[in-house]
Protein backbone atom coordinates (compact mmCIF):
# COMPACT_ATOMS: atom_id res chain seq x y z
CA MET A 1 44.76 -20.83 -37.09
CA ARG A 2 43.28 -24.00 -38.83
CA LYS A 3 43.56 -26.18 -42.01
CA VAL A 4 41.22 -25.64 -44.98
CA LYS A 5 40.71 -26.93 -48.27
CA LEU A 6 40.87 -24.40 -51.17
CA GLN A 7 40.11 -24.80 -54.74
CA ALA A 8 41.74 -23.09 -57.66
CA ASN A 9 41.79 -23.71 -61.56
CA GLY A 10 39.83 -27.10 -60.84
CA HIS A 11 42.19 -28.18 -58.41
CA THR A 12 41.84 -28.72 -54.69
CA TYR A 13 44.68 -28.15 -52.06
CA SER A 14 44.98 -27.49 -48.54
CA SER A 15 46.33 -24.55 -46.60
CA TRP A 16 46.92 -23.15 -43.18
CA LYS A 17 44.49 -20.22 -42.57
CA VAL A 18 45.66 -17.54 -39.56
CA ASP A 19 42.83 -15.11 -39.25
CA GLY A 20 41.72 -12.39 -36.21
CA ARG A 21 41.26 -8.80 -35.65
CA ILE A 22 43.37 -6.39 -34.07
CA ASN A 23 41.98 -3.30 -32.70
CA GLY A 24 38.95 -3.74 -35.04
CA ILE A 25 41.07 -4.48 -37.91
CA ARG A 26 40.83 -8.21 -39.73
CA HIS A 27 44.07 -9.73 -40.43
CA ARG A 28 43.86 -12.93 -42.49
CA ARG A 29 46.69 -14.97 -44.43
CA PHE A 30 47.21 -18.64 -45.73
CA PHE A 31 50.34 -20.46 -45.56
CA SER A 32 51.11 -23.73 -47.16
CA ASP A 33 53.53 -24.63 -44.31
CA ARG A 34 52.43 -25.09 -40.81
CA GLU A 35 55.35 -23.76 -39.23
CA GLU A 36 55.14 -20.55 -41.12
CA ALA A 37 51.59 -20.12 -40.07
CA GLU A 38 52.54 -20.51 -36.37
CA ALA A 39 55.07 -18.27 -36.41
CA HIS A 40 53.06 -15.78 -37.96
CA ARG A 41 50.13 -15.80 -35.71
CA ALA A 42 52.71 -15.54 -32.71
CA VAL A 43 53.70 -12.54 -34.30
CA LYS A 44 50.16 -11.24 -34.55
CA GLU A 45 49.38 -12.16 -30.58
CA ILE A 46 52.17 -10.08 -29.47
CA GLN A 47 51.18 -7.26 -31.92
CA ALA A 48 47.74 -7.14 -30.33
CA LEU A 49 48.99 -7.34 -26.68
CA ASN A 50 51.10 -4.72 -27.24
CA GLU A 51 48.59 -2.28 -28.86
CA ALA A 52 46.07 -3.02 -26.09
CA LYS A 53 48.71 -1.77 -23.66
CA LEU A 54 49.45 1.25 -25.63
CA VAL A 55 50.03 4.22 -23.29
CA ARG A 56 49.85 7.55 -25.14
CA THR A 57 51.43 10.80 -23.59
CA THR A 58 49.17 13.56 -23.55
CA ALA A 59 49.36 16.85 -21.66
CA SER A 60 46.48 17.14 -19.36
CA HIS A 61 45.01 18.93 -16.31
CA LEU A 62 44.02 16.03 -14.78
CA SER A 63 45.66 14.21 -11.98
CA GLY A 64 46.62 10.64 -12.03
CA GLU A 65 43.64 9.53 -10.11
CA GLN A 66 40.99 11.48 -12.23
CA LEU A 67 42.60 9.95 -15.26
CA ARG A 68 42.30 6.29 -13.82
CA ASP A 69 38.48 7.32 -12.97
CA ALA A 70 38.12 8.34 -16.61
CA GLU A 71 39.50 5.37 -18.05
CA ALA A 72 37.43 2.90 -15.61
CA ALA A 73 34.20 4.94 -16.70
CA LEU A 74 35.04 4.23 -20.20
CA GLN A 75 35.43 0.79 -19.62
CA ARG A 76 32.27 0.53 -17.99
CA LEU A 77 30.14 2.61 -20.74
CA GLN A 78 31.68 0.16 -23.48
CA GLY A 79 31.70 2.56 -26.24
CA ARG A 80 27.90 2.85 -26.08
CA TYR A 81 27.74 6.50 -24.71
CA SER A 82 30.15 9.08 -24.34
CA LEU A 83 31.80 10.16 -20.98
CA VAL A 84 30.71 13.80 -21.42
CA LEU A 85 26.95 12.35 -21.99
CA ALA A 86 26.93 10.07 -19.24
CA ALA A 87 28.25 13.19 -17.06
CA ASP A 88 25.25 15.14 -18.65
CA TRP A 89 22.58 12.82 -17.61
CA LEU A 90 23.80 12.17 -14.09
CA LEU A 91 24.17 16.05 -13.33
CA ARG A 92 20.45 16.26 -14.71
CA THR A 93 18.78 13.33 -12.94
CA PHE A 94 20.62 12.46 -9.44
CA ARG A 95 19.86 13.94 -6.45
CA ASP A 96 21.50 13.12 -3.26
CA THR A 97 20.00 12.31 -0.13
CA LEU A 98 20.35 14.13 3.20
CA THR A 99 21.49 10.77 4.99
CA GLN A 100 21.70 6.94 4.64
CA LYS A 101 19.32 5.37 6.63
CA SER A 102 18.64 1.56 6.61
CA LEU A 103 14.99 0.20 6.56
CA VAL A 104 15.16 -1.46 10.02
CA GLU A 105 16.15 1.63 11.81
CA SER A 106 13.66 4.13 9.87
CA ILE A 107 10.47 1.82 10.46
CA PRO A 108 10.31 2.39 14.18
CA LEU A 109 10.66 6.41 13.68
CA PHE A 110 7.97 6.34 11.02
CA LEU A 111 5.79 4.33 13.49
CA ASP A 112 6.17 6.58 16.58
CA GLU A 113 5.53 9.73 14.46
CA ARG A 114 2.25 8.64 13.05
CA ARG A 115 0.72 6.60 15.97
CA ALA A 116 -0.97 9.74 17.24
CA HIS A 117 -2.30 10.23 13.85
CA LEU A 118 -3.65 7.13 12.95
CA ARG A 119 -6.61 4.43 14.11
CA ARG A 120 -5.35 1.45 16.01
CA THR A 121 -6.41 -0.94 13.29
CA THR A 122 -4.39 1.28 10.82
CA PHE A 123 -1.47 1.54 13.14
CA GLN A 124 -1.55 -2.26 13.41
CA ASP A 125 -1.81 -2.96 9.67
CA TYR A 126 1.18 -0.71 9.19
CA LYS A 127 3.46 -2.19 11.68
CA THR A 128 2.76 -5.62 10.58
CA THR A 129 3.03 -5.11 7.04
CA LEU A 130 6.47 -3.20 7.42
CA THR A 131 7.70 -5.76 9.94
CA SER A 132 7.26 -8.52 7.43
CA PHE A 133 8.65 -6.56 4.84
CA ALA A 134 11.77 -5.62 7.25
CA PHE A 135 12.17 -9.28 7.73
CA ILE A 136 13.45 -9.73 4.12
CA HIS A 137 15.23 -6.34 3.27
CA GLY A 138 15.86 -4.99 6.67
CA ASN A 139 19.46 -4.49 6.23
CA LYS A 140 19.21 -2.56 3.40
CA LYS A 141 19.53 1.06 2.89
CA LEU A 142 16.42 3.05 2.16
CA SER A 143 18.16 4.19 -1.54
CA GLU A 144 18.81 0.70 -2.18
CA ILE A 145 15.55 -0.69 -2.30
CA GLY A 146 13.82 -0.51 -5.69
CA THR A 147 10.41 -1.39 -7.09
CA GLY A 148 11.45 -5.03 -8.03
CA ASP A 149 11.77 -5.35 -4.39
CA ILE A 150 8.20 -4.22 -3.36
CA ILE A 151 6.77 -6.48 -6.33
CA ASP A 152 8.79 -9.58 -5.22
CA PHE A 153 7.42 -8.85 -1.54
CA LEU A 154 3.74 -8.72 -2.55
CA LYS A 155 4.16 -11.71 -4.84
CA PHE A 156 6.11 -13.81 -2.15
CA ARG A 157 2.91 -13.23 -0.16
CA GLY A 158 0.89 -15.00 -2.68
CA VAL A 159 -1.78 -11.80 -2.34
CA THR A 160 -3.81 -10.43 -5.24
CA GLY A 161 -6.54 -7.50 -5.81
CA LYS A 162 -7.74 -5.95 -2.39
CA THR A 163 -5.15 -7.31 -0.15
CA TRP A 164 -2.24 -6.52 -2.73
CA ASN A 165 -3.69 -2.79 -2.91
CA ASN A 166 -3.75 -2.68 1.10
CA LEU A 167 -0.32 -4.27 1.55
CA ARG A 168 0.88 -1.68 -1.09
CA ALA A 169 -0.77 1.14 0.38
CA ASP A 170 0.83 0.62 3.96
CA LEU A 171 4.52 0.23 2.17
CA ASN A 172 3.57 3.38 -0.07
CA ALA A 173 2.87 5.78 3.17
CA PHE A 174 6.16 4.80 4.57
CA PHE A 175 8.08 5.57 1.67
CA VAL A 176 6.04 8.81 1.06
CA TRP A 177 6.95 9.62 4.72
CA CYS A 178 10.52 9.14 4.19
CA GLU A 179 10.64 11.13 0.90
CA LYS A 180 9.03 14.16 2.34
CA PRO A 181 10.71 17.08 4.00
CA PRO A 182 12.82 17.55 6.41
CA ARG A 183 13.76 13.78 5.97
CA LYS A 184 14.43 13.26 2.41
CA TRP A 185 16.05 9.84 2.92
CA ILE A 186 15.18 8.61 -0.51
CA VAL A 187 14.77 10.61 -3.93
CA ASN A 188 12.18 8.18 -5.64
CA ASN A 189 9.18 6.25 -4.04
CA PRO A 190 9.62 2.84 -5.16
CA VAL A 191 5.91 2.00 -4.38
CA LYS A 192 4.82 4.51 -6.79
CA ASP A 193 5.17 2.33 -10.11
CA VAL A 194 3.87 -0.83 -8.32
CA GLU A 195 0.57 -1.95 -10.02
CA LYS A 196 -2.62 -1.22 -8.30
CA PHE A 197 -5.54 -3.21 -9.21
CA GLU A 198 -9.09 -2.28 -9.78
CA VAL A 199 -11.27 -4.02 -7.28
CA ALA A 200 -14.83 -4.22 -7.94
CA GLN A 201 -17.25 -3.17 -4.99
CA GLY A 202 -20.20 -5.12 -4.14
CA ILE A 203 -23.38 -3.95 -3.84
CA PRO A 204 -24.51 -3.15 -0.03
CA GLU A 205 -27.35 -5.32 1.26
CA ILE A 206 -30.43 -2.56 1.79
CA LEU A 207 -33.42 -3.77 4.25
CA SER A 208 -36.79 -2.97 3.62
CA ALA A 209 -38.76 -0.64 6.01
CA GLY A 210 -40.67 -3.84 6.72
CA LYS A 211 -37.64 -5.94 7.35
CA VAL A 212 -36.51 -2.77 9.85
CA LYS A 213 -39.70 -3.17 11.59
CA ASP A 214 -39.35 -6.93 11.98
CA LEU A 215 -35.54 -6.41 13.29
CA PHE A 216 -36.61 -3.75 16.00
CA ALA A 217 -39.69 -6.04 17.08
CA PHE A 218 -37.00 -8.87 17.75
CA LEU A 219 -34.43 -6.58 19.23
CA GLU A 220 -37.04 -5.07 22.04
CA THR A 221 -37.35 -8.91 23.23
CA TYR A 222 -34.00 -10.19 23.20
CA ARG A 223 -32.08 -10.80 26.21
CA GLY A 224 -28.88 -12.74 25.07
CA SER A 225 -27.77 -15.73 26.36
CA PRO A 226 -30.48 -17.71 28.50
CA SER A 227 -27.96 -18.78 31.21
CA LYS A 228 -26.65 -14.86 31.67
CA PRO A 229 -30.20 -12.91 30.44
CA LEU A 230 -29.91 -9.42 30.03
CA GLU A 231 -32.99 -6.83 30.06
CA PRO A 232 -35.19 -6.89 26.89
CA GLY A 233 -34.12 -4.60 24.64
CA CYS A 234 -30.09 -4.41 25.30
CA LEU A 235 -29.18 -4.25 21.90
CA VAL A 236 -31.58 -1.57 20.58
CA PRO A 237 -29.20 1.47 21.26
CA TYR A 238 -26.47 -0.25 19.30
CA PHE A 239 -28.85 -0.88 16.12
CA ALA A 240 -30.92 2.43 16.44
CA LEU A 241 -27.49 4.21 16.18
CA ALA A 242 -26.21 2.19 13.58
CA THR A 243 -29.45 2.27 11.35
CA PHE A 244 -30.61 6.01 11.87
CA ALA A 245 -27.57 7.70 12.72
CA GLY A 246 -25.00 6.01 10.33
CA LEU A 247 -22.48 5.22 13.35
CA ARG A 248 -19.97 2.47 12.71
CA PRO A 249 -19.18 -0.22 15.47
CA ALA A 250 -15.63 1.45 16.03
CA ASN A 251 -17.72 4.75 16.43
CA GLN A 252 -20.06 3.23 18.87
CA ARG A 253 -17.35 1.52 21.09
CA ARG A 254 -15.70 5.23 21.42
CA GLY A 255 -18.68 6.66 21.98
CA ASP A 256 -19.85 4.40 24.68
CA HIS A 257 -16.52 4.57 26.39
CA ALA A 258 -16.85 8.33 26.54
CA HIS A 259 -20.46 8.33 27.88
CA ARG A 260 -19.02 5.93 30.68
CA GLU A 261 -16.07 8.49 31.41
CA THR A 262 -17.81 11.74 31.01
CA GLY A 263 -21.37 11.30 30.08
CA GLU A 264 -20.66 13.07 26.80
CA TYR A 265 -23.53 11.40 24.80
CA ARG A 266 -26.21 12.12 27.72
CA SER A 267 -26.90 15.46 25.97
CA TYR A 268 -26.70 14.15 22.26
CA TYR A 269 -30.29 12.71 21.80
CA ARG A 270 -32.38 14.83 24.03
CA SER A 271 -33.86 17.05 21.16
CA GLN A 272 -34.66 15.48 17.56
CA GLY A 273 -34.15 17.37 14.18
CA ARG A 274 -31.12 19.44 15.18
CA GLY A 275 -27.39 18.45 14.21
CA HIS A 276 -25.33 17.46 17.13
CA PRO A 277 -21.21 17.76 16.95
CA HIS A 278 -19.71 14.22 16.98
CA HIS A 279 -16.65 14.67 18.64
CA PRO A 280 -13.20 14.12 16.25
CA GLU A 281 -12.01 11.41 18.83
CA LEU A 282 -15.42 9.41 18.11
CA ALA A 283 -15.54 9.83 14.06
CA LYS A 284 -13.66 7.73 11.57
CA THR A 285 -12.49 10.77 9.75
CA LYS A 286 -11.21 12.57 13.07
CA ASP A 287 -13.12 15.49 11.83
CA VAL A 288 -16.32 16.84 13.84
CA ARG A 289 -19.12 15.25 12.49
CA GLN A 290 -22.82 16.77 12.45
CA ILE A 291 -25.58 14.06 13.40
CA VAL A 292 -29.07 15.15 12.74
CA ILE A 293 -31.32 12.98 15.37
CA GLN A 294 -34.10 11.68 13.34
CA PRO A 295 -37.53 11.45 14.85
CA CYS A 296 -37.12 7.60 14.88
CA LEU A 297 -33.79 7.73 16.74
CA HIS A 298 -35.19 10.18 19.18
CA ALA A 299 -38.14 7.88 20.15
CA TRP A 300 -35.74 4.68 20.04
CA LEU A 301 -33.35 6.37 22.78
CA THR A 302 -35.77 8.18 24.54
CA ARG A 303 -37.78 4.36 25.20
CA TYR A 304 -34.00 2.90 25.66
CA PRO A 305 -32.00 5.54 27.25
CA ILE A 306 -28.04 4.97 27.10
CA ASP A 307 -27.78 5.76 30.77
CA ARG A 308 -29.89 2.43 31.55
CA TYR A 309 -29.00 0.48 28.41
CA PRO A 310 -25.13 0.85 27.33
CA ILE A 311 -24.23 1.17 23.67
CA ILE A 312 -22.15 -1.68 23.98
CA PRO A 313 -23.50 -3.95 26.64
CA SER A 314 -21.19 -6.42 28.24
CA SER A 315 -20.25 -9.61 26.07
CA ALA A 316 -21.35 -7.69 22.93
CA SER A 317 -19.68 -9.76 20.63
CA ASN A 318 -21.49 -12.93 21.79
CA LEU A 319 -24.71 -11.04 22.05
CA LEU A 320 -24.55 -9.86 18.42
CA ARG A 321 -23.48 -13.29 16.99
CA ARG A 322 -26.47 -15.04 19.11
CA SER A 323 -28.86 -12.20 17.54
CA GLU A 324 -27.82 -12.83 13.91
CA ARG A 325 -28.45 -16.56 14.52
CA SER A 326 -31.85 -15.89 16.20
CA PHE A 327 -32.98 -13.28 13.76
CA ARG A 328 -31.16 -14.92 10.77
CA SER A 329 -29.58 -11.40 10.18
CA PRO A 330 -26.80 -10.77 7.92
CA ARG A 331 -23.31 -10.46 9.19
CA LEU A 332 -23.27 -6.97 8.24
CA LEU A 333 -25.58 -5.98 10.97
CA ALA A 334 -23.15 -6.52 13.44
CA ALA A 335 -19.79 -6.68 11.85
CA HIS A 336 -19.73 -3.76 9.19
CA VAL A 337 -22.48 -1.76 9.73
CA ARG A 338 -24.20 -0.35 6.46
CA LEU A 339 -27.25 1.57 6.83
CA TYR A 340 -30.68 -0.08 6.47
CA ALA A 341 -33.29 2.46 5.72
CA CYS A 342 -35.50 2.06 2.61
CA ARG A 343 -35.73 5.06 0.52
CA GLN A 344 -37.88 3.83 -2.18
CA ILE A 345 -40.84 4.18 0.18
CA PRO A 346 -41.05 7.81 0.62
CA GLN A 347 -43.12 7.91 3.99
CA HIS A 348 -40.28 6.37 5.36
CA GLY A 349 -37.50 8.25 3.95
CA ARG A 350 -36.90 10.66 6.26
CA HIS A 351 -36.87 8.29 9.40
CA GLY A 352 -33.02 7.23 8.33
CA PRO A 353 -30.64 7.85 5.94
CA PRO A 354 -30.11 5.27 2.75
CA ALA A 355 -27.85 2.13 2.50
CA GLY A 356 -24.25 2.75 1.93
CA ASN A 357 -20.83 3.17 3.68
CA SER A 358 -19.97 6.41 3.15
CA GLU A 359 -20.10 9.25 5.88
CA ALA A 360 -20.51 11.48 2.67
CA ILE A 361 -23.85 9.86 2.19
CA ILE A 362 -25.06 9.91 5.91
CA LYS A 363 -24.36 13.85 5.81
CA ASP A 364 -26.07 14.44 2.54
CA THR A 365 -29.29 12.58 3.49
CA THR A 366 -29.76 13.54 6.84
CA SER A 367 -29.12 17.41 5.95
CA THR A 368 -31.90 16.93 3.29
CA SER A 369 -34.24 14.33 4.84
């Protein structure tokens, strides 16, 4: 209710206006006397309250509790959708989970089951990422974790590009495992809709045949630390296997351990030009891998047999760092071994596979060399 000024027949006068809605219907009246206007407003307010609490008596098969649930549902829908439409959508899309697991109790189960199928570094990555995620959302049920929680976690870590993708992959592996039978602890994987960045891959460095020759000439005289010198050529088997067989450092560590324990590697390199099975435990892919012993590799391992020159000598990390500084070789040589042959020189092409970081490339090249 408010006082307004009205005009009629060229005259201006004041009036009290009572204006409002009851059940969507507008009610408006003007009064010259304020007391009449207030009385009318009071009547309409009582009318609005009574109509809002109007109870209709209707015969129904529903119980009192079911009727109350229906009223609560209609209030939540706020007239935007019918109760029947909402029920149809729920029945089409909702799938109940077999159990309600919390994040903090699910992670140890995942790690225990996957441990035997993962490389040690991959397992540690999973454990680190999931522990950090559980620190924030550990008490939540798995079904309560949404895509927004995943994105907030990644943004909170301040990562982008490849690191974002790696953390996303760790979380995705966990939630895919939770979603699959026989667990079915979640209905939808919250990581599925999280953005995955396109990361440009750098071009691996390729050493020329002359550079490879210089490298091995240096390795034949290299003895490591002057204070604790080793035999000249102590690193030749390591670099020969990396260069001419495409074995990564992790493969060589496992191979060196197998040789020390069982002598398994001793028979691998005695005959050239043949494919030798690389044990699944020694391969990155956990599959049997055929290694073709090229003449160049056979010659180096005959000259520097691994019975005398271990694949991974003692203090290998220090040796590799010193060899880099001495030879001024790129970090690729010791850290993440690429392949260093030079395919553009045909006469050297068959002595080693082309540069790259793929075991598929290694297999294709060695099979056709």
